[in-house]
Amino acid sequence: MTLTVITESLPELIPPIALSFEVFNQCKTEVGKSSVARGIFEILEESAFIIGVLIINREVDSMYIPPFQFNASGTYSGGIAVLNTTSPLQIEGVTLPLGVSLIHELGHAVQYMEDPNAFESKFTTAQSGSSETTQFNITDSEGKALTKDIKNTLIALLSIENDNVARHEAPVCNDLNLPFRKKYI
């Protein structure tokens, strides 16, 4: 199995909660009726990459840490999915099962595995803090042509996040008859 629940503290990361295995198994159960979720777990469990799952309850939101950013001396070749038990996704005023948040973060691991170089390029751009922009010609709701400058960091972030929402998070929510977002922001 290449999904590894992290139970020991890692340098520079928040320590895991004591009940990490129980929370992980509960999350798997919560989304287990979704064929998409089962497929994500299967892909990750059969992968040559090792993906860590760090379950915490404070300080930072759930996130995916790719292996080029931190991989604990090569241990987590597929990155680390961080799940904060105190911040489940909320959509349309509904608090979603924590398993959906886990699927979102594991979806990033799938994205990384599919094309590590492209993911690293987008992620690095998204995190760069650059003020460079790309100009887009768009049409507003009244049909008026507009030109809009959008930061390349936002373009890269939304490329990663919207793909993840569309291919992983939203289909799982749909399978479970939960509300879902059509785009990240």
Protein backbone atom coordinates (compact mmCIF):
# COMPACT_ATOMS: atom_id res chain seq x y z
CA MET A 1 0.00 0.00 0.00
CA THR A 2 1.46 3.32 -0.96
CA LEU A 3 -0.91 5.47 1.06
CA THR A 4 0.77 5.85 4.43
CA VAL A 5 -0.93 7.40 7.45
CA ILE A 6 1.74 9.44 9.23
CA THR A 7 1.79 8.76 12.95
CA GLU A 8 5.19 10.21 13.91
CA SER A 9 6.16 13.88 13.98
CA LEU A 10 8.12 15.08 10.95
CA PRO A 11 10.54 18.02 11.04
CA GLU A 12 8.89 21.34 10.15
CA LEU A 13 5.35 19.88 10.07
CA ILE A 14 2.57 19.95 12.64
CA PRO A 15 2.48 16.67 14.60
CA PRO A 16 -0.30 14.20 13.68
CA ILE A 17 -3.26 13.64 15.96
CA ALA A 18 -3.32 10.49 18.09
CA LEU A 19 -6.30 8.96 16.28
CA SER A 20 -4.94 9.39 12.74
CA PHE A 21 -5.69 5.81 11.60
CA GLU A 22 -9.25 5.98 12.92
CA VAL A 23 -9.91 9.32 11.22
CA PHE A 24 -8.39 8.08 7.95
CA ASN A 25 -10.57 4.96 8.00
CA GLN A 26 -13.65 7.03 8.86
CA CYS A 27 -12.91 9.31 5.88
CA LYS A 28 -12.55 6.31 3.56
CA THR A 29 -15.89 4.99 4.81
CA GLU A 30 -17.59 8.38 4.34
CA VAL A 31 -16.69 8.52 0.65
CA GLY A 32 -16.65 4.77 0.02
CA LYS A 33 -19.97 4.74 -1.82
CA SER A 34 -18.47 6.92 -4.53
CA SER A 35 -16.93 5.01 -7.44
CA VAL A 36 -14.73 8.03 -8.12
CA ALA A 37 -13.39 8.02 -4.54
CA ARG A 38 -12.77 4.28 -4.67
CA GLY A 39 -10.91 4.83 -7.94
CA ILE A 40 -8.71 7.52 -6.40
CA PHE A 41 -7.81 5.27 -3.47
CA GLU A 42 -7.10 2.40 -5.86
CA ILE A 43 -4.83 4.52 -8.08
CA LEU A 44 -2.88 5.75 -5.08
CA GLU A 45 -2.67 2.39 -3.34
CA GLU A 46 -1.36 0.69 -6.49
CA SER A 47 1.09 3.45 -7.36
CA ALA A 48 4.86 3.21 -7.10
CA PHE A 49 4.71 6.63 -5.39
CA ILE A 50 4.43 6.79 -1.61
CA ILE A 51 1.83 9.32 -0.46
CA GLY A 52 1.75 10.37 3.17
CA VAL A 53 -1.50 11.32 4.89
CA LEU A 54 -0.94 13.70 7.80
CA ILE A 55 -4.02 14.28 9.95
CA ILE A 56 -3.88 17.35 12.17
CA ASN A 57 -6.27 19.50 14.18
CA ARG A 58 -4.74 22.96 14.30
CA GLU A 59 -2.86 25.88 12.71
CA VAL A 60 -3.15 25.30 8.97
CA ASP A 61 -5.91 24.33 6.58
CA SER A 62 -5.95 21.05 4.69
CA MET A 63 -3.42 21.07 1.87
CA TYR A 64 -1.26 19.00 -0.42
CA ILE A 65 2.50 19.26 0.01
CA PRO A 66 4.20 18.01 -3.18
CA PRO A 67 7.42 16.01 -2.86
CA PHE A 68 9.55 18.71 -4.48
CA GLN A 69 8.54 21.01 -1.62
CA PHE A 70 8.93 18.52 1.27
CA ASN A 71 9.25 14.75 1.23
CA ALA A 72 10.90 13.79 4.53
CA SER A 73 14.28 12.75 3.11
CA GLY A 74 12.75 10.96 0.15
CA THR A 75 10.14 8.99 2.09
CA TYR A 76 7.06 10.52 0.43
CA SER A 77 7.76 10.40 -3.30
CA GLY A 78 4.11 11.25 -4.03
CA GLY A 79 3.85 14.09 -1.52
CA ILE A 80 1.81 14.51 1.64
CA ALA A 81 -1.93 15.11 1.90
CA VAL A 82 -2.55 17.17 5.04
CA LEU A 83 -6.06 16.89 6.47
CA ASN A 84 -7.16 19.30 9.19
CA THR A 85 -10.05 17.76 11.10
CA THR A 86 -11.26 21.18 12.24
CA SER A 87 -11.83 22.62 8.76
CA PRO A 88 -14.06 20.41 6.58
CA LEU A 89 -15.29 21.82 3.29
CA GLN A 90 -18.50 23.82 3.39
CA ILE A 91 -20.56 24.30 0.26
CA GLU A 92 -23.88 26.10 0.07
CA GLY A 93 -24.03 26.21 3.87
CA VAL A 94 -23.58 22.44 4.16
CA THR A 95 -20.61 21.02 6.03
CA LEU A 96 -19.35 18.12 3.94
CA PRO A 97 -17.98 14.89 5.40
CA LEU A 98 -14.27 15.15 6.17
CA GLY A 99 -13.67 12.39 3.64
CA VAL A 100 -14.45 14.87 0.84
CA SER A 101 -11.65 17.15 2.09
CA LEU A 102 -9.31 14.14 2.08
CA ILE A 103 -10.34 13.27 -1.48
CA HIS A 104 -9.61 16.85 -2.56
CA GLU A 105 -6.06 16.66 -1.17
CA LEU A 106 -5.47 13.15 -2.50
CA GLY A 107 -6.71 14.39 -5.88
CA HIS A 108 -3.66 16.64 -5.96
CA ALA A 109 -1.46 13.59 -5.41
CA VAL A 110 -3.13 11.99 -8.45
CA GLN A 111 -2.47 15.17 -10.46
CA TYR A 112 1.18 15.08 -9.43
CA MET A 113 1.52 11.38 -10.32
CA GLU A 114 -0.04 11.90 -13.76
CA ASP A 115 2.53 14.52 -14.80
CA PRO A 116 5.08 15.47 -12.15
CA ASN A 117 6.85 18.05 -14.34
CA ALA A 118 3.67 19.90 -15.34
CA PHE A 119 2.38 19.87 -11.76
CA GLU A 120 5.68 21.20 -10.42
CA SER A 121 5.73 23.95 -13.04
CA LYS A 122 2.20 25.11 -12.23
CA PHE A 123 2.66 24.76 -8.47
CA THR A 124 5.95 26.67 -8.52
CA THR A 125 4.37 29.47 -10.56
CA ALA A 126 1.35 29.59 -8.24
CA GLN A 127 3.64 29.90 -5.19
CA SER A 128 6.11 32.34 -6.76
CA GLY A 129 4.54 35.63 -5.69
CA SER A 130 5.27 37.02 -9.14
CA SER A 131 3.33 40.08 -10.28
CA GLU A 132 3.50 39.10 -13.96
CA THR A 133 0.15 39.01 -15.73
CA THR A 134 -1.42 37.58 -18.85
CA GLN A 135 -3.96 39.59 -20.81
CA PHE A 136 -7.30 37.98 -21.60
CA ASN A 137 -10.05 39.23 -23.90
CA ILE A 138 -13.40 38.36 -22.36
CA THR A 139 -17.04 39.24 -22.83
CA ASP A 140 -19.10 40.47 -19.88
CA SER A 141 -22.69 39.46 -19.15
CA GLU A 142 -23.98 42.22 -21.44
CA GLY A 143 -21.87 41.06 -24.38
CA LYS A 144 -19.35 43.89 -24.06
CA ALA A 145 -15.75 42.98 -24.96
CA LEU A 146 -13.28 43.58 -22.12
CA THR A 147 -9.56 43.11 -21.68
CA LYS A 148 -8.48 41.78 -18.32
CA ASP A 149 -4.99 41.30 -16.88
CA ILE A 150 -4.79 38.25 -14.61
CA LYS A 151 -1.78 37.35 -12.49
CA ASN A 152 0.06 34.29 -13.73
CA THR A 153 0.17 33.00 -10.15
CA LEU A 154 -3.63 32.91 -10.06
CA ILE A 155 -3.83 31.29 -13.49
CA ALA A 156 -1.49 28.51 -12.36
CA LEU A 157 -3.31 28.01 -9.04
CA LEU A 158 -6.72 27.83 -10.70
CA SER A 159 -5.39 25.46 -13.36
CA ILE A 160 -4.46 23.00 -10.62
CA GLU A 161 -7.46 23.58 -8.35
CA ASN A 162 -10.23 23.73 -10.96
CA ASP A 163 -8.95 20.53 -12.57
CA ASN A 164 -8.93 18.83 -9.16
CA VAL A 165 -12.45 20.04 -8.32
CA ALA A 166 -13.77 18.94 -11.74
CA ARG A 167 -12.16 15.49 -11.85
CA HIS A 168 -12.08 14.46 -8.20
CA GLU A 169 -13.98 16.52 -5.62
CA ALA A 170 -17.19 17.39 -7.51
CA PRO A 171 -17.77 13.88 -8.94
CA VAL A 172 -17.36 12.38 -5.45
CA CYS A 173 -19.86 14.87 -4.03
CA ASN A 174 -22.23 14.14 -6.90
CA ASP A 175 -21.95 10.38 -6.29
CA LEU A 176 -22.81 10.99 -2.62
CA ASN A 177 -25.68 13.39 -3.39
CA LEU A 178 -23.86 16.25 -1.68
CA PRO A 179 -23.71 19.85 -2.91
CA PHE A 180 -20.58 20.58 -4.89
CA ARG A 181 -18.73 23.50 -6.34
CA LYS A 182 -18.16 23.76 -10.07
CA LYS A 183 -14.94 25.72 -9.66
CA TYR A 184 -12.43 26.36 -6.90
CA ILE A 185 -13.20 30.08 -6.46
